[in-house]
C-alpha atoms as a PDB file:
ATOM      1  CA  UNK A   1      -6.520   0.936  -1.919  1.00  0.00           C
ATOM      2  CA  UNK A   2      -2.791   0.625  -2.561  1.00  0.00           C
ATOM      3  CA  UNK A   3      -1.588  -2.961  -2.983  1.00  0.00           C
ATOM      4  CA  UNK A   4       1.535  -3.176  -0.868  1.00  0.00           C
ATOM      5  CA  UNK A   5       2.644  -6.795  -1.189  1.00  0.00           C
ATOM      6  CA  UNK A   6       5.746  -8.014  -2.980  1.00  0.00           C
ATOM      7  CA  UNK A   7       5.247  -8.310  -6.754  1.00  0.00           C
ATOM      8  CA  UNK A   8       5.865 -12.071  -6.570  1.00  0.00           C
ATOM      9  CA  UNK A   9       2.955 -12.363  -4.098  1.00  0.00           C
ATOM     10  CA  UNK A  10       0.720 -10.216  -6.305  1.00  0.00           C
ATOM     11  CA  UNK A  11       1.598 -12.335  -9.360  1.00  0.00           C
ATOM     12  CA  UNK A  12       1.025 -15.632  -7.535  1.00  0.00           C
ATOM     13  CA  UNK A  13      -2.203 -17.539  -6.983  1.00  0.00           C
ATOM     14  CA  UNK A  14      -1.980 -16.765  -3.265  1.00  0.00           C
ATOM     15  CA  UNK A  15      -5.495 -15.735  -2.109  1.00  0.00           C
ATOM     16  CA  UNK A  16      -4.401 -13.058   0.412  1.00  0.00           C
ATOM     17  CA  UNK A  17      -2.120 -10.037   0.196  1.00  0.00           C
ATOM     18  CA  UNK A  18      -1.575  -6.705   1.939  1.00  0.00           C
ATOM     19  CA  UNK A  19      -3.072  -3.336   1.077  1.00  0.00           C
ATOM     20  CA  UNK A  20      -3.301   0.207   2.426  1.00  0.00           C
ATOM     21  CA  UNK A  21      -6.279   2.579   2.334  1.00  0.00           C
ATOM     22  CA  UNK A  22      -5.889   5.675   0.188  1.00  0.00           C
ATOM     23  CA  UNK A  23      -6.693   8.818   2.166  1.00  0.00           C
ATOM     24  CA  UNK A  24      -7.829  12.114   0.645  1.00  0.00           C
ATOM     25  CA  UNK A  25      -5.311  14.071   2.724  1.00  0.00           C
ATOM     26  CA  UNK A  26      -2.382  13.493   5.034  1.00  0.00           C
ATOM     27  CA  UNK A  27      -3.148  12.866   8.687  1.00  0.00           C
ATOM     28  CA  UNK A  28       0.149  14.216  10.045  1.00  0.00           C
ATOM     29  CA  UNK A  29       1.366  10.767  11.091  1.00  0.00           C
ATOM     30  CA  UNK A  30       5.088  10.108  10.644  1.00  0.00           C
ATOM     31  CA  UNK A  31       4.215   6.840   8.838  1.00  0.00           C
ATOM     32  CA  UNK A  32       1.879   8.493   6.298  1.00  0.00           C
ATOM     33  CA  UNK A  33       3.259   8.706   2.756  1.00  0.00           C
ATOM     34  CA  UNK A  34       1.968  10.900  -0.104  1.00  0.00           C
ATOM     35  CA  UNK A  35       0.976   9.020  -3.260  1.00  0.00           C
ATOM     36  CA  UNK A  36       1.195  11.575  -6.099  1.00  0.00           C
ATOM     37  CA  UNK A  37      -2.126  12.212  -7.852  1.00  0.00           C
ATOM     38  CA  UNK A  38      -3.845   9.555  -5.688  1.00  0.00           C
ATOM     39  CA  UNK A  39      -3.792  10.715  -2.056  1.00  0.00           C
ATOM     40  CA  UNK A  40      -1.940   9.443   1.005  1.00  0.00           C
ATOM     41  CA  UNK A  41      -1.457   6.090   2.766  1.00  0.00           C
ATOM     42  CA  UNK A  42      -0.843   5.517   6.462  1.00  0.00           C
ATOM     43  CA  UNK A  43       1.442   2.496   6.589  1.00  0.00           C
ATOM     44  CA  UNK A  44       0.458   1.739  10.198  1.00  0.00           C
ATOM     45  CA  UNK A  45      -3.040   0.799   8.984  1.00  0.00           C
ATOM     46  CA  UNK A  46      -2.517  -2.277   6.820  1.00  0.00           C
ATOM     47  CA  UNK A  47      -5.306  -4.555   5.599  1.00  0.00           C
ATOM     48  CA  UNK A  48      -5.307  -8.175   4.593  1.00  0.00           C
ATOM     49  CA  UNK A  49      -7.060  -8.357   1.220  1.00  0.00           C
ATOM     50  CA  UNK A  50      -8.744 -11.379  -0.286  1.00  0.00           C
ATOM     51  CA  UNK A  51      -7.903 -11.574  -3.997  1.00  0.00           C
ATOM     52  CA  UNK A  52     -11.533 -12.066  -5.208  1.00  0.00           C
ATOM     53  CA  UNK A  53     -12.479  -8.803  -3.435  1.00  0.00           C
ATOM     54  CA  UNK A  54     -10.034  -6.762  -5.517  1.00  0.00           C
ATOM     55  CA  UNK A  55     -11.175  -5.415  -8.874  1.00  0.00           C
ATOM     56  CA  UNK A  56      -9.185  -4.097 -11.796  1.00  0.00           C
ATOM     57  CA  UNK A  57      -6.135  -1.876 -11.455  1.00  0.00           C
ATOM     58  CA  UNK A  58      -7.129   1.771 -11.661  1.00  0.00           C
ATOM     59  CA  UNK A  59      -3.678   3.348 -11.519  1.00  0.00           C
ATOM     60  CA  UNK A  60      -0.101   2.626 -10.557  1.00  0.00           C
ATOM     61  CA  UNK A  61       2.563   4.621  -8.800  1.00  0.00           C
ATOM     62  CA  UNK A  62       6.254   5.189  -9.429  1.00  0.00           C
ATOM     63  CA  UNK A  63       8.898   2.850  -8.014  1.00  0.00           C
ATOM     64  CA  UNK A  64      10.331   5.761  -5.983  1.00  0.00           C
ATOM     65  CA  UNK A  65       6.970   6.233  -4.277  1.00  0.00           C
ATOM     66  CA  UNK A  66       6.715   2.520  -3.508  1.00  0.00           C
ATOM     67  CA  UNK A  67      10.224   2.688  -2.035  1.00  0.00           C
ATOM     68  CA  UNK A  68       9.028   5.456   0.337  1.00  0.00           C
ATOM     69  CA  UNK A  69       6.018   3.288   1.237  1.00  0.00           C
ATOM     70  CA  UNK A  70       8.377   0.363   1.931  1.00  0.00           C
ATOM     71  CA  UNK A  71      10.593   2.566   4.114  1.00  0.00           C
ATOM     72  CA  UNK A  72       7.554   3.597   6.159  1.00  0.00           C
ATOM     73  CA  UNK A  73       6.198   0.033   6.345  1.00  0.00           C
ATOM     74  CA  UNK A  74       9.366  -1.382   7.912  1.00  0.00           C
ATOM     75  CA  UNK A  75       9.049   0.500  11.242  1.00  0.00           C
ATOM     76  CA  UNK A  76       5.258   0.184  11.264  1.00  0.00           C
ATOM     77  CA  UNK A  77       5.602  -3.614  10.954  1.00  0.00           C
ATOM     78  CA  UNK A  78       8.690  -3.655  13.203  1.00  0.00           C
ATOM     79  CA  UNK A  79      10.891  -5.135  10.455  1.00  0.00           C
END
């Protein structure tokens, strides 16, 4: 799971935030973004996550990768 909410939301006490499933391989969708050394995320398939369901951080990704995720999220969320 890739946490895809704003850092301020992740740092807050807010109980819900947004995430994306990590896929083992790309699905060919225009809105799917590679996450180096982790897999792929399809930004059209967002999930609402409840904070108590989320465990410890396993890894992180580079800011450039998160920028690509953000670029793909905007059209998928019609922003």
